[in-house]
């Protein structure tokens, strides 16, 4: 099913069903965030100093990230 078809189906829902769909979509997003947070926590808790960055290395990597467009 295409995204456009899903949008049309969602628009045709009654208010309680639309709220249930919204809650479901939010719960999916929260699971993604929880998974990402867990992955970041594992990286931050890594006890192997061979994978740690110095402040200078961190700054170099940070400087390579392009500035967002306004």
C-alpha atoms as a PDB file:
ATOM      1  CA  UNK A   1       0.000   0.000   0.000  1.00  0.00           C
ATOM      2  CA  UNK A   2       1.359   3.390  -0.933  1.00  0.00           C
ATOM      3  CA  UNK A   3       1.814   6.279   1.446  1.00  0.00           C
ATOM      4  CA  UNK A   4      -0.849   8.242  -0.425  1.00  0.00           C
ATOM      5  CA  UNK A   5      -3.320   5.372   0.048  1.00  0.00           C
ATOM      6  CA  UNK A   6      -2.486   5.238   3.752  1.00  0.00           C
ATOM      7  CA  UNK A   7      -3.076   8.985   4.049  1.00  0.00           C
ATOM      8  CA  UNK A   8      -6.454   8.689   2.375  1.00  0.00           C
ATOM      9  CA  UNK A   9      -7.432   5.818   4.681  1.00  0.00           C
ATOM     10  CA  UNK A  10      -6.295   7.791   7.737  1.00  0.00           C
ATOM     11  CA  UNK A  11      -8.285  10.844   6.621  1.00  0.00           C
ATOM     12  CA  UNK A  12     -11.415   8.693   6.347  1.00  0.00           C
ATOM     13  CA  UNK A  13     -11.135   7.421   9.933  1.00  0.00           C
ATOM     14  CA  UNK A  14     -13.457   8.640  12.658  1.00  0.00           C
ATOM     15  CA  UNK A  15     -11.930  10.659  15.484  1.00  0.00           C
ATOM     16  CA  UNK A  16     -11.430   7.783  17.996  1.00  0.00           C
ATOM     17  CA  UNK A  17      -9.794   5.621  15.322  1.00  0.00           C
ATOM     18  CA  UNK A  18      -7.566   8.504  14.211  1.00  0.00           C
ATOM     19  CA  UNK A  19      -6.466   9.026  17.831  1.00  0.00           C
ATOM     20  CA  UNK A  20      -5.676   5.313  18.125  1.00  0.00           C
ATOM     21  CA  UNK A  21      -3.640   5.443  14.910  1.00  0.00           C
ATOM     22  CA  UNK A  22      -1.774   8.499  16.153  1.00  0.00           C
ATOM     23  CA  UNK A  23      -0.984   6.750  19.441  1.00  0.00           C
ATOM     24  CA  UNK A  24       0.295   3.738  17.535  1.00  0.00           C
ATOM     25  CA  UNK A  25       2.573   5.891  15.364  1.00  0.00           C
ATOM     26  CA  UNK A  26       3.919   7.721  18.410  1.00  0.00           C
ATOM     27  CA  UNK A  27       4.663   4.403  20.105  1.00  0.00           C
ATOM     28  CA  UNK A  28       6.627   3.285  17.035  1.00  0.00           C
ATOM     29  CA  UNK A  29       8.664   6.491  17.160  1.00  0.00           C
ATOM     30  CA  UNK A  30       9.314   6.064  20.894  1.00  0.00           C
ATOM     31  CA  UNK A  31      10.618   2.535  20.294  1.00  0.00           C
ATOM     32  CA  UNK A  32      13.025   3.922  17.682  1.00  0.00           C
ATOM     33  CA  UNK A  33      14.216   6.603  20.102  1.00  0.00           C
ATOM     34  CA  UNK A  34      14.677   4.021  22.870  1.00  0.00           C
ATOM     35  CA  UNK A  35      16.720   1.804  20.552  1.00  0.00           C
ATOM     36  CA  UNK A  36      18.888   4.751  19.497  1.00  0.00           C
ATOM     37  CA  UNK A  37      19.357   5.837  23.113  1.00  0.00           C
ATOM     38  CA  UNK A  38      20.396   2.298  24.038  1.00  0.00           C
ATOM     39  CA  UNK A  39      22.944   2.206  21.233  1.00  0.00           C
ATOM     40  CA  UNK A  40      24.359   5.585  22.290  1.00  0.00           C
ATOM     41  CA  UNK A  41      24.534   4.464  25.910  1.00  0.00           C
ATOM     42  CA  UNK A  42      26.482   1.343  24.914  1.00  0.00           C
ATOM     43  CA  UNK A  43      28.922   3.515  22.969  1.00  0.00           C
ATOM     44  CA  UNK A  44      29.340   5.952  25.849  1.00  0.00           C
ATOM     45  CA  UNK A  45      29.850   3.129  28.342  1.00  0.00           C
ATOM     46  CA  UNK A  46      32.520   1.446  26.214  1.00  0.00           C
ATOM     47  CA  UNK A  47      35.390   0.569  28.576  1.00  0.00           C
ATOM     48  CA  UNK A  48      37.956   0.101  25.771  1.00  0.00           C
ATOM     49  CA  UNK A  49      40.206   3.195  25.731  1.00  0.00           C
ATOM     50  CA  UNK A  50      41.393   2.270  22.210  1.00  0.00           C
ATOM     51  CA  UNK A  51      38.020   3.487  20.914  1.00  0.00           C
ATOM     52  CA  UNK A  52      37.942   6.714  22.905  1.00  0.00           C
ATOM     53  CA  UNK A  53      38.611  10.096  21.285  1.00  0.00           C
ATOM     54  CA  UNK A  54      40.834  12.831  22.582  1.00  0.00           C
ATOM     55  CA  UNK A  55      39.310  16.288  22.838  1.00  0.00           C
ATOM     56  CA  UNK A  56      41.287  17.293  19.761  1.00  0.00           C
ATOM     57  CA  UNK A  57      40.004  14.316  17.746  1.00  0.00           C
ATOM     58  CA  UNK A  58      36.478  15.085  18.861  1.00  0.00           C
ATOM     59  CA  UNK A  59      36.846  18.738  17.833  1.00  0.00           C
ATOM     60  CA  UNK A  60      38.214  17.708  14.431  1.00  0.00           C
ATOM     61  CA  UNK A  61      35.235  15.432  13.812  1.00  0.00           C
ATOM     62  CA  UNK A  62      32.830  18.067  15.083  1.00  0.00           C
ATOM     63  CA  UNK A  63      34.337  20.669  12.751  1.00  0.00           C
ATOM     64  CA  UNK A  64      33.738  18.349   9.771  1.00  0.00           C
ATOM     65  CA  UNK A  65      29.959  18.380  10.296  1.00  0.00           C
ATOM     66  CA  UNK A  66      28.432  20.890   7.872  1.00  0.00           C
ATOM     67  CA  UNK A  67      26.488  23.792   9.284  1.00  0.00           C
ATOM     68  CA  UNK A  68      22.721  23.458   8.784  1.00  0.00           C
ATOM     69  CA  UNK A  69      21.103  25.797   6.286  1.00  0.00           C
ATOM     70  CA  UNK A  70      18.854  28.422   7.804  1.00  0.00           C
END
